[in-house]
Amino acid sequence: MNLLRLPAAAFFLLSPAVLRATETEGGASLFDLLRQGGWAMWPLGFLSLAFFFLLFHCWQQTSPGRFTDPAFVRGIKEPLAARDLPAAQKLADGQTHALARVFAAALPRARADHHDARRAAVEETFAEHAEAEDNAVGQWINYLNVVASVAPMVGLLGTVSGMIGAFQKIGQAGMGRPEELAGNIGEALITTATGLVIGIPAMIAFFYFRNRLNNRMVRIHQEGGELIETLADAPPAKTAAKTAAKTADETADETADEAS
């Protein structure tokens, strides 16, 4: 779904024509109830739009394809096992998911001729950039927590405002005409309910996407650890070259013996 269509859809759903068409059992339309909520409905409306935007944006940002790619993991293990760092770097630079970006940033710390390819330095850089990827997505998820915390508080503030207005009318006209208090009491109840309707789903969404992001980052650390282990366990570049040359010489000697 195109995120740019959300404001237009929300505007349509909240338009006076649609809201007036939704009649309640008491004869008042939904638009009348929202209007009765007073000034607090404006910030609550903004928070509801922010909630829907963050909901779809966080879903998109935490999709599996943005973090790992099984084909990339399979393809880069071969150059890593041969300690062909330029080829591995080229493969990592050609990908756009988070694992490739993190591994591409850590790979320059490796040394092909070192006994463990400087594993500690590679792991340290990998962890730093993985944390940066986590924070880049996590900041959007944290905004859901802001919406979940602020919306009920704005609703409570609207409740206080409505009750203040009700007590002022009681002081002016007394308790003889309770119908004059209906507007202020309605404002108090509607704003509280609206704040909770926005805040409760936002809190649920916050914990859901927080866990979803944690699972993605655990997968990155697991697959990145496997790639680093493959690189560290491979023989150093000079040793690998000598082994290959020795194998070639032995093969040539065996061929010559068979020919003779």
C-alpha atoms as a PDB file:
ATOM      1  CA  MET A   1       0.000   0.000   0.000  1.00  0.00           C
ATOM      2  CA  ASN A   2       1.259   3.445  -0.905  1.00  0.00           C
ATOM      3  CA  LEU A   3       1.929   5.365   2.307  1.00  0.00           C
ATOM      4  CA  LEU A   4       1.184   8.643   0.564  1.00  0.00           C
ATOM      5  CA  ARG A   5      -2.456   7.609   0.276  1.00  0.00           C
ATOM      6  CA  LEU A   6      -2.945   7.328   4.033  1.00  0.00           C
ATOM      7  CA  PRO A   7      -3.609  11.032   4.711  1.00  0.00           C
ATOM      8  CA  ALA A   8      -6.125  11.148   1.873  1.00  0.00           C
ATOM      9  CA  ALA A   9      -7.867   8.021   3.143  1.00  0.00           C
ATOM     10  CA  ALA A  10      -7.939   9.371   6.681  1.00  0.00           C
ATOM     11  CA  PHE A  11      -9.324  12.692   5.437  1.00  0.00           C
ATOM     12  CA  PHE A  12     -12.089  10.822   3.629  1.00  0.00           C
ATOM     13  CA  LEU A  13     -12.953   8.742   6.680  1.00  0.00           C
ATOM     14  CA  LEU A  14     -13.010  11.808   8.911  1.00  0.00           C
ATOM     15  CA  SER A  15     -14.819  14.074   6.466  1.00  0.00           C
ATOM     16  CA  PRO A  16     -18.091  15.634   7.693  1.00  0.00           C
ATOM     17  CA  ALA A  17     -20.166  13.916   5.017  1.00  0.00           C
ATOM     18  CA  VAL A  18     -19.027  10.440   6.067  1.00  0.00           C
ATOM     19  CA  LEU A  19     -19.231  11.156   9.769  1.00  0.00           C
ATOM     20  CA  ARG A  20     -22.702  12.663   9.542  1.00  0.00           C
ATOM     21  CA  ALA A  21     -23.868   9.597   7.646  1.00  0.00           C
ATOM     22  CA  THR A  22     -22.974   7.389  10.607  1.00  0.00           C
ATOM     23  CA  GLU A  23     -25.871   7.807  12.987  1.00  0.00           C
ATOM     24  CA  THR A  24     -25.726   6.613  16.544  1.00  0.00           C
ATOM     25  CA  GLU A  25     -28.655   5.096  18.425  1.00  0.00           C
ATOM     26  CA  GLY A  26     -29.303   8.391  20.202  1.00  0.00           C
ATOM     27  CA  GLY A  27     -29.726  10.250  16.913  1.00  0.00           C
ATOM     28  CA  ALA A  28     -26.385  12.091  17.025  1.00  0.00           C
ATOM     29  CA  SER A  29     -23.904  11.419  14.242  1.00  0.00           C
ATOM     30  CA  LEU A  30     -20.341  10.374  14.818  1.00  0.00           C
ATOM     31  CA  PHE A  31     -19.247  13.778  13.566  1.00  0.00           C
ATOM     32  CA  ASP A  32     -21.351  15.421  16.290  1.00  0.00           C
ATOM     33  CA  LEU A  33     -19.674  13.263  18.926  1.00  0.00           C
ATOM     34  CA  LEU A  34     -16.203  14.143  17.653  1.00  0.00           C
ATOM     35  CA  ARG A  35     -17.121  17.819  17.558  1.00  0.00           C
ATOM     36  CA  GLN A  36     -18.420  17.524  21.091  1.00  0.00           C
ATOM     37  CA  GLY A  37     -14.969  16.366  22.159  1.00  0.00           C
ATOM     38  CA  GLY A  38     -13.722  19.927  21.766  1.00  0.00           C
ATOM     39  CA  TRP A  39     -10.199  21.146  21.119  1.00  0.00           C
ATOM     40  CA  ALA A  40      -8.568  17.910  22.305  1.00  0.00           C
ATOM     41  CA  MET A  41      -9.861  16.070  19.242  1.00  0.00           C
ATOM     42  CA  TRP A  42      -7.459  17.994  16.992  1.00  0.00           C
ATOM     43  CA  PRO A  43      -4.224  16.715  18.589  1.00  0.00           C
ATOM     44  CA  LEU A  44      -5.829  13.300  18.974  1.00  0.00           C
ATOM     45  CA  GLY A  45      -6.624  13.298  15.265  1.00  0.00           C
ATOM     46  CA  PHE A  46      -3.016  14.146  14.481  1.00  0.00           C
ATOM     47  CA  LEU A  47      -1.837  11.332  16.754  1.00  0.00           C
ATOM     48  CA  SER A  48      -4.154   8.888  15.007  1.00  0.00           C
ATOM     49  CA  LEU A  49      -2.694   9.830  11.614  1.00  0.00           C
ATOM     50  CA  ALA A  50       0.830   9.488  13.025  1.00  0.00           C
ATOM     51  CA  PHE A  51      -0.083   6.067  14.398  1.00  0.00           C
ATOM     52  CA  PHE A  52      -1.277   4.761  11.027  1.00  0.00           C
ATOM     53  CA  PHE A  53       1.779   6.147   9.237  1.00  0.00           C
ATOM     54  CA  LEU A  54       4.141   4.550  11.773  1.00  0.00           C
ATOM     55  CA  LEU A  55       2.225   1.279  11.622  1.00  0.00           C
ATOM     56  CA  PHE A  56       2.755   0.832   7.896  1.00  0.00           C
ATOM     57  CA  HIS A  57       6.256   2.325   7.908  1.00  0.00           C
ATOM     58  CA  CYS A  58       7.499   0.003  10.675  1.00  0.00           C
ATOM     59  CA  TRP A  59       5.956  -2.971   8.921  1.00  0.00           C
ATOM     60  CA  GLN A  60       7.848  -2.069   5.769  1.00  0.00           C
ATOM     61  CA  GLN A  61      11.127  -1.355   7.566  1.00  0.00           C
ATOM     62  CA  THR A  62      11.097  -4.679   9.451  1.00  0.00           C
ATOM     63  CA  SER A  63      10.319  -6.906   6.471  1.00  0.00           C
ATOM     64  CA  PRO A  64      12.724  -9.893   6.189  1.00  0.00           C
ATOM     65  CA  GLY A  65      14.160  -8.854   2.822  1.00  0.00           C
ATOM     66  CA  ARG A  66      15.573  -5.650   4.294  1.00  0.00           C
ATOM     67  CA  PHE A  67      17.824  -7.569   6.698  1.00  0.00           C
ATOM     68  CA  THR A  68      19.151 -10.780   5.154  1.00  0.00           C
ATOM     69  CA  ASP A  69      19.289 -12.717   1.905  1.00  0.00           C
ATOM     70  CA  PRO A  70      19.985 -16.482   1.910  1.00  0.00           C
ATOM     71  CA  ALA A  71      21.431 -16.307  -1.611  1.00  0.00           C
ATOM     72  CA  PHE A  72      23.958 -13.700  -0.492  1.00  0.00           C
ATOM     73  CA  VAL A  73      25.052 -15.842   2.464  1.00  0.00           C
ATOM     74  CA  ARG A  74      25.558 -18.873   0.233  1.00  0.00           C
ATOM     75  CA  GLY A  75      27.369 -16.914  -2.456  1.00  0.00           C
ATOM     76  CA  ILE A  76      29.861 -15.085  -0.232  1.00  0.00           C
ATOM     77  CA  LYS A  77      31.015 -18.154   1.691  1.00  0.00           C
ATOM     78  CA  GLU A  78      33.114 -19.379  -1.249  1.00  0.00           C
ATOM     79  CA  PRO A  79      35.401 -16.311  -1.513  1.00  0.00           C
ATOM     80  CA  LEU A  80      35.588 -16.122   2.278  1.00  0.00           C
ATOM     81  CA  ALA A  81      36.729 -19.751   2.492  1.00  0.00           C
ATOM     82  CA  ALA A  82      39.450 -18.902  -0.038  1.00  0.00           C
ATOM     83  CA  ARG A  83      40.215 -15.614   1.759  1.00  0.00           C
ATOM     84  CA  ASP A  84      39.546 -13.760  -1.466  1.00  0.00           C
ATOM     85  CA  LEU A  85      38.713 -10.492   0.284  1.00  0.00           C
ATOM     86  CA  PRO A  86      38.322  -8.317  -2.858  1.00  0.00           C
ATOM     87  CA  ALA A  87      35.749 -10.727  -4.306  1.00  0.00           C
ATOM     88  CA  ALA A  88      33.871 -10.906  -0.989  1.00  0.00           C
ATOM     89  CA  GLN A  89      33.916  -7.118  -0.688  1.00  0.00           C
ATOM     90  CA  LYS A  90      32.522  -6.774  -4.204  1.00  0.00           C
ATOM     91  CA  LEU A  91      29.666  -9.148  -3.407  1.00  0.00           C
ATOM     92  CA  ALA A  92      28.819  -7.309  -0.178  1.00  0.00           C
ATOM     93  CA  ASP A  93      28.930  -3.885  -1.812  1.00  0.00           C
ATOM     94  CA  GLY A  94      26.487  -5.029  -4.490  1.00  0.00           C
ATOM     95  CA  GLN A  95      23.702  -5.785  -1.982  1.00  0.00           C
ATOM     96  CA  THR A  96      21.304  -3.406  -0.215  1.00  0.00           C
ATOM     97  CA  HIS A  97      20.081  -5.408   2.788  1.00  0.00           C
ATOM     98  CA  ALA A  98      21.348  -4.789   6.307  1.00  0.00           C
ATOM     99  CA  LEU A  99      23.579  -7.880   6.601  1.00  0.00           C
ATOM    100  CA  ALA A 100      25.472  -6.935   3.452  1.00  0.00           C
ATOM    101  CA  ARG A 101      25.933  -3.324   4.577  1.00  0.00           C
ATOM    102  CA  VAL A 102      27.198  -4.390   7.993  1.00  0.00           C
ATOM    103  CA  PHE A 103      29.531  -7.054   6.599  1.00  0.00           C
ATOM    104  CA  ALA A 104      30.834  -4.702   3.899  1.00  0.00           C
ATOM    105  CA  ALA A 105      31.775  -2.214   6.629  1.00  0.00           C
ATOM    106  CA  ALA A 106      33.530  -4.872   8.731  1.00  0.00           C
ATOM    107  CA  LEU A 107      35.369  -6.706   5.951  1.00  0.00           C
ATOM    108  CA  PRO A 108      38.107  -4.047   5.405  1.00  0.00           C
ATOM    109  CA  ARG A 109      39.356  -4.785   8.940  1.00  0.00           C
ATOM    110  CA  ALA A 110      40.251  -8.345   7.886  1.00  0.00           C
ATOM    111  CA  ARG A 111      43.726  -9.410   6.714  1.00  0.00           C
ATOM    112  CA  ALA A 112      44.034 -12.391   4.389  1.00  0.00           C
ATOM    113  CA  ASP A 113      47.581 -13.247   5.560  1.00  0.00           C
ATOM    114  CA  HIS A 114      46.717 -13.177   9.283  1.00  0.00           C
ATOM    115  CA  HIS A 115      46.217 -16.532  11.026  1.00  0.00           C
ATOM    116  CA  ASP A 116      42.580 -15.735  11.982  1.00  0.00           C
ATOM    117  CA  ALA A 117      42.054 -12.848   9.542  1.00  0.00           C
ATOM    118  CA  ARG A 118      41.955 -10.445  12.512  1.00  0.00           C
ATOM    119  CA  ARG A 119      38.693 -11.951  13.679  1.00  0.00           C
ATOM    120  CA  ALA A 120      38.365  -9.780  16.799  1.00  0.00           C
ATOM    121  CA  ALA A 121      38.617  -6.527  14.821  1.00  0.00           C
ATOM    122  CA  VAL A 122      36.099  -7.755  12.238  1.00  0.00           C
ATOM    123  CA  GLU A 123      33.639  -8.830  14.937  1.00  0.00           C
ATOM    124  CA  GLU A 124      33.969  -5.503  16.750  1.00  0.00           C
ATOM    125  CA  THR A 125      33.265  -3.482  13.606  1.00  0.00           C
ATOM    126  CA  PHE A 126      30.428  -5.825  12.674  1.00  0.00           C
ATOM    127  CA  ALA A 127      28.784  -5.319  16.079  1.00  0.00           C
ATOM    128  CA  GLU A 128      29.116  -1.524  15.866  1.00  0.00           C
ATOM    129  CA  HIS A 129      27.461  -1.274  12.462  1.00  0.00           C
ATOM    130  CA  ALA A 130      24.784  -3.817  13.410  1.00  0.00           C
ATOM    131  CA  GLU A 131      23.875  -1.613  16.357  1.00  0.00           C
ATOM    132  CA  ALA A 132      23.639   1.368  14.009  1.00  0.00           C
ATOM    133  CA  GLU A 133      21.236  -0.573  11.773  1.00  0.00           C
ATOM    134  CA  ASP A 134      19.180  -1.488  14.834  1.00  0.00           C
ATOM    135  CA  ASN A 135      18.967   2.132  15.947  1.00  0.00           C
ATOM    136  CA  ALA A 136      18.039   3.367  12.458  1.00  0.00           C
ATOM    137  CA  VAL A 137      14.903   1.207  12.426  1.00  0.00           C
ATOM    138  CA  GLY A 138      14.271   1.265  16.173  1.00  0.00           C
ATOM    139  CA  GLN A 139      13.830   5.036  16.299  1.00  0.00           C
ATOM    140  CA  TRP A 140      10.664   4.739  14.206  1.00  0.00           C
ATOM    141  CA  ILE A 141       9.347   1.981  16.455  1.00  0.00           C
ATOM    142  CA  ASN A 142      10.015   4.155  19.506  1.00  0.00           C
ATOM    143  CA  TYR A 143       7.707   6.806  18.075  1.00  0.00           C
ATOM    144  CA  LEU A 144       4.874   4.283  18.455  1.00  0.00           C
ATOM    145  CA  ASN A 145       5.618   4.270  22.161  1.00  0.00           C
ATOM    146  CA  VAL A 146       5.414   8.071  22.127  1.00  0.00           C
ATOM    147  CA  VAL A 147       1.968   7.927  20.515  1.00  0.00           C
ATOM    148  CA  ALA A 148       0.853   5.259  22.982  1.00  0.00           C
ATOM    149  CA  SER A 149       1.943   7.408  25.922  1.00  0.00           C
ATOM    150  CA  VAL A 150       0.815  10.832  24.707  1.00  0.00           C
ATOM    151  CA  ALA A 151      -2.643   9.959  23.323  1.00  0.00           C
ATOM    152  CA  PRO A 152      -4.197   8.928  26.681  1.00  0.00           C
ATOM    153  CA  MET A 153      -2.588  11.961  28.336  1.00  0.00           C
ATOM    154  CA  VAL A 154      -4.139  14.300  25.758  1.00  0.00           C
ATOM    155  CA  GLY A 155      -7.467  12.544  26.312  1.00  0.00           C
ATOM    156  CA  LEU A 156      -7.085  13.020  30.059  1.00  0.00           C
ATOM    157  CA  LEU A 157      -6.292  16.686  29.526  1.00  0.00           C
ATOM    158  CA  GLY A 158      -9.487  17.013  27.486  1.00  0.00           C
ATOM    159  CA  THR A 159     -11.344  15.316  30.329  1.00  0.00           C
ATOM    160  CA  VAL A 160      -9.996  17.823  32.836  1.00  0.00           C
ATOM    161  CA  SER A 161     -10.921  20.671  30.493  1.00  0.00           C
ATOM    162  CA  GLY A 162     -14.474  19.372  30.139  1.00  0.00           C
ATOM    163  CA  MET A 163     -14.908  18.921  33.885  1.00  0.00           C
ATOM    164  CA  ILE A 164     -13.605  22.425  34.543  1.00  0.00           C
ATOM    165  CA  GLY A 165     -16.215  23.781  32.127  1.00  0.00           C
ATOM    166  CA  ALA A 166     -18.922  21.707  33.818  1.00  0.00           C
ATOM    167  CA  PHE A 167     -18.060  23.010  37.290  1.00  0.00           C
ATOM    168  CA  GLN A 168     -17.986  26.574  35.982  1.00  0.00           C
ATOM    169  CA  LYS A 169     -21.545  26.185  34.680  1.00  0.00           C
ATOM    170  CA  ILE A 170     -22.609  24.684  37.997  1.00  0.00           C
ATOM    171  CA  GLY A 171     -21.188  27.725  39.736  1.00  0.00           C
ATOM    172  CA  GLN A 172     -23.068  30.063  37.415  1.00  0.00           C
ATOM    173  CA  ALA A 173     -26.439  28.301  37.025  1.00  0.00           C
ATOM    174  CA  GLY A 174     -26.525  25.824  39.878  1.00  0.00           C
ATOM    175  CA  MET A 175     -27.665  22.206  39.594  1.00  0.00           C
ATOM    176  CA  GLY A 176     -31.198  22.967  38.481  1.00  0.00           C
ATOM    177  CA  ARG A 177     -30.525  22.474  34.743  1.00  0.00           C
ATOM    178  CA  PRO A 178     -28.319  19.383  34.209  1.00  0.00           C
ATOM    179  CA  GLU A 179     -28.812  19.533  30.424  1.00  0.00           C
ATOM    180  CA  GLU A 180     -26.437  22.494  30.323  1.00  0.00           C
ATOM    181  CA  LEU A 181     -23.703  20.260  31.700  1.00  0.00           C
ATOM    182  CA  ALA A 182     -24.120  17.612  28.989  1.00  0.00           C
ATOM    183  CA  GLY A 183     -21.723  19.281  26.570  1.00  0.00           C
ATOM    184  CA  ASN A 184     -18.848  19.552  29.030  1.00  0.00           C
ATOM    185  CA  ILE A 185     -19.374  16.072  30.448  1.00  0.00           C
ATOM    186  CA  GLY A 186     -19.564  14.681  26.912  1.00  0.00           C
ATOM    187  CA  GLU A 187     -16.271  16.397  26.100  1.00  0.00           C
ATOM    188  CA  ALA A 188     -14.708  14.805  29.177  1.00  0.00           C
ATOM    189  CA  LEU A 189     -15.840  11.275  28.291  1.00  0.00           C
ATOM    190  CA  ILE A 190     -15.229  11.397  24.537  1.00  0.00           C
ATOM    191  CA  THR A 191     -11.652  12.649  24.787  1.00  0.00           C
ATOM    192  CA  THR A 192     -10.733   9.969  27.323  1.00  0.00           C
ATOM    193  CA  ALA A 193     -12.226   7.232  25.170  1.00  0.00           C
ATOM    194  CA  THR A 194     -10.531   8.550  22.023  1.00  0.00           C
ATOM    195  CA  GLY A 195      -7.142   8.738  23.719  1.00  0.00           C
ATOM    196  CA  LEU A 196      -7.443   5.133  24.886  1.00  0.00           C
ATOM    197  CA  VAL A 197      -8.641   3.937  21.470  1.00  0.00           C
ATOM    198  CA  ILE A 198      -5.464   5.392  19.939  1.00  0.00           C
ATOM    199  CA  GLY A 199      -3.062   4.560  22.758  1.00  0.00           C
ATOM    200  CA  ILE A 200      -3.889   0.888  23.326  1.00  0.00           C
ATOM    201  CA  PRO A 201      -3.308  -0.274  19.702  1.00  0.00           C
ATOM    202  CA  ALA A 202      -0.183   1.887  19.520  1.00  0.00           C
ATOM    203  CA  MET A 203       1.257   0.183  22.608  1.00  0.00           C
ATOM    204  CA  ILE A 204       0.472  -3.260  21.182  1.00  0.00           C
ATOM    205  CA  ALA A 205       2.092  -2.283  17.877  1.00  0.00           C
ATOM    206  CA  PHE A 206       5.181  -0.966  19.700  1.00  0.00           C
ATOM    207  CA  PHE A 207       5.877  -4.271  21.444  1.00  0.00           C
ATOM    208  CA  TYR A 208       5.083  -6.256  18.304  1.00  0.00           C
ATOM    209  CA  PHE A 209       7.512  -4.340  16.095  1.00  0.00           C
ATOM    210  CA  ARG A 210      10.128  -4.206  18.861  1.00  0.00           C
ATOM    211  CA  ASN A 211      10.124  -8.002  19.032  1.00  0.00           C
ATOM    212  CA  ARG A 212      10.002  -8.250  15.244  1.00  0.00           C
ATOM    213  CA  LEU A 213      13.099  -6.054  14.958  1.00  0.00           C
ATOM    214  CA  ASN A 214      14.904  -8.012  17.680  1.00  0.00           C
ATOM    215  CA  ASN A 215      14.292 -11.241  15.773  1.00  0.00           C
ATOM    216  CA  ARG A 216      15.685  -9.697  12.597  1.00  0.00           C
ATOM    217  CA  MET A 217      18.813  -8.483  14.392  1.00  0.00           C
ATOM    218  CA  VAL A 218      19.377 -11.884  16.008  1.00  0.00           C
ATOM    219  CA  ARG A 219      19.286 -13.399  12.516  1.00  0.00           C
ATOM    220  CA  ILE A 220      21.850 -10.860  11.299  1.00  0.00           C
ATOM    221  CA  HIS A 221      24.225 -11.641  14.173  1.00  0.00           C
ATOM    222  CA  GLN A 222      23.864 -15.386  13.632  1.00  0.00           C
ATOM    223  CA  GLU A 223      24.513 -15.279   9.897  1.00  0.00           C
ATOM    224  CA  GLY A 224      27.256 -12.670  10.277  1.00  0.00           C
ATOM    225  CA  GLY A 225      28.937 -14.837  12.908  1.00  0.00           C
ATOM    226  CA  GLU A 226      28.904 -17.785  10.504  1.00  0.00           C
ATOM    227  CA  LEU A 227      30.509 -15.703   7.763  1.00  0.00           C
ATOM    228  CA  ILE A 228      33.202 -14.379  10.092  1.00  0.00           C
ATOM    229  CA  GLU A 229      33.890 -17.905  11.326  1.00  0.00           C
ATOM    230  CA  THR A 230      34.227 -19.124   7.748  1.00  0.00           C
ATOM    231  CA  LEU A 231      36.773 -16.387   7.079  1.00  0.00           C
ATOM    232  CA  ALA A 232      38.718 -16.982  10.302  1.00  0.00           C
ATOM    233  CA  ASP A 233      38.896 -20.780   9.879  1.00  0.00           C
ATOM    234  CA  ALA A 234      40.206 -20.552   6.317  1.00  0.00           C
ATOM    235  CA  PRO A 235      43.974 -20.934   5.874  1.00  0.00           C
ATOM    236  CA  PRO A 236      45.948 -17.689   5.444  1.00  0.00           C
ATOM    237  CA  ALA A 237      46.426 -16.459   1.904  1.00  0.00           C
ATOM    238  CA  LYS A 238      50.129 -17.430   1.669  1.00  0.00           C
ATOM    239  CA  THR A 239      49.488 -20.853   3.156  1.00  0.00           C
ATOM    240  CA  ALA A 240      46.601 -21.415   0.804  1.00  0.00           C
ATOM    241  CA  ALA A 241      48.765 -20.443  -2.171  1.00  0.00           C
ATOM    242  CA  LYS A 242      51.554 -22.802  -1.089  1.00  0.00           C
ATOM    243  CA  THR A 243      49.062 -25.630  -0.559  1.00  0.00           C
ATOM    244  CA  ALA A 244      47.587 -25.073  -3.999  1.00  0.00           C
ATOM    245  CA  ALA A 245      51.059 -25.008  -5.597  1.00  0.00           C
ATOM    246  CA  LYS A 246      52.091 -28.185  -3.747  1.00  0.00           C
ATOM    247  CA  THR A 247      48.911 -29.934  -4.855  1.00  0.00           C
ATOM    248  CA  ALA A 248      49.560 -28.893  -8.448  1.00  0.00           C
ATOM    249  CA  ASP A 249      53.155 -30.206  -8.286  1.00  0.00           C
ATOM    250  CA  GLU A 250      52.019 -33.514  -6.834  1.00  0.00           C
ATOM    251  CA  THR A 251      49.417 -33.845  -9.563  1.00  0.00           C
ATOM    252  CA  ALA A 252      52.042 -33.108 -12.235  1.00  0.00           C
ATOM    253  CA  ASP A 253      54.431 -35.710 -10.751  1.00  0.00           C
ATOM    254  CA  GLU A 254      51.732 -38.344 -10.686  1.00  0.00           C
ATOM    255  CA  THR A 255      50.856 -37.588 -14.315  1.00  0.00           C
ATOM    256  CA  ALA A 256      54.521 -37.848 -15.324  1.00  0.00           C
ATOM    257  CA  ASP A 257      54.908 -41.180 -13.512  1.00  0.00           C
ATOM    258  CA  GLU A 258      51.861 -42.570 -15.224  1.00  0.00           C
ATOM    259  CA  ALA A 259      53.163 -41.422 -18.618  1.00  0.00           C
ATOM    260  CA  SER A 260      56.531 -43.076 -18.065  1.00  0.00           C
END
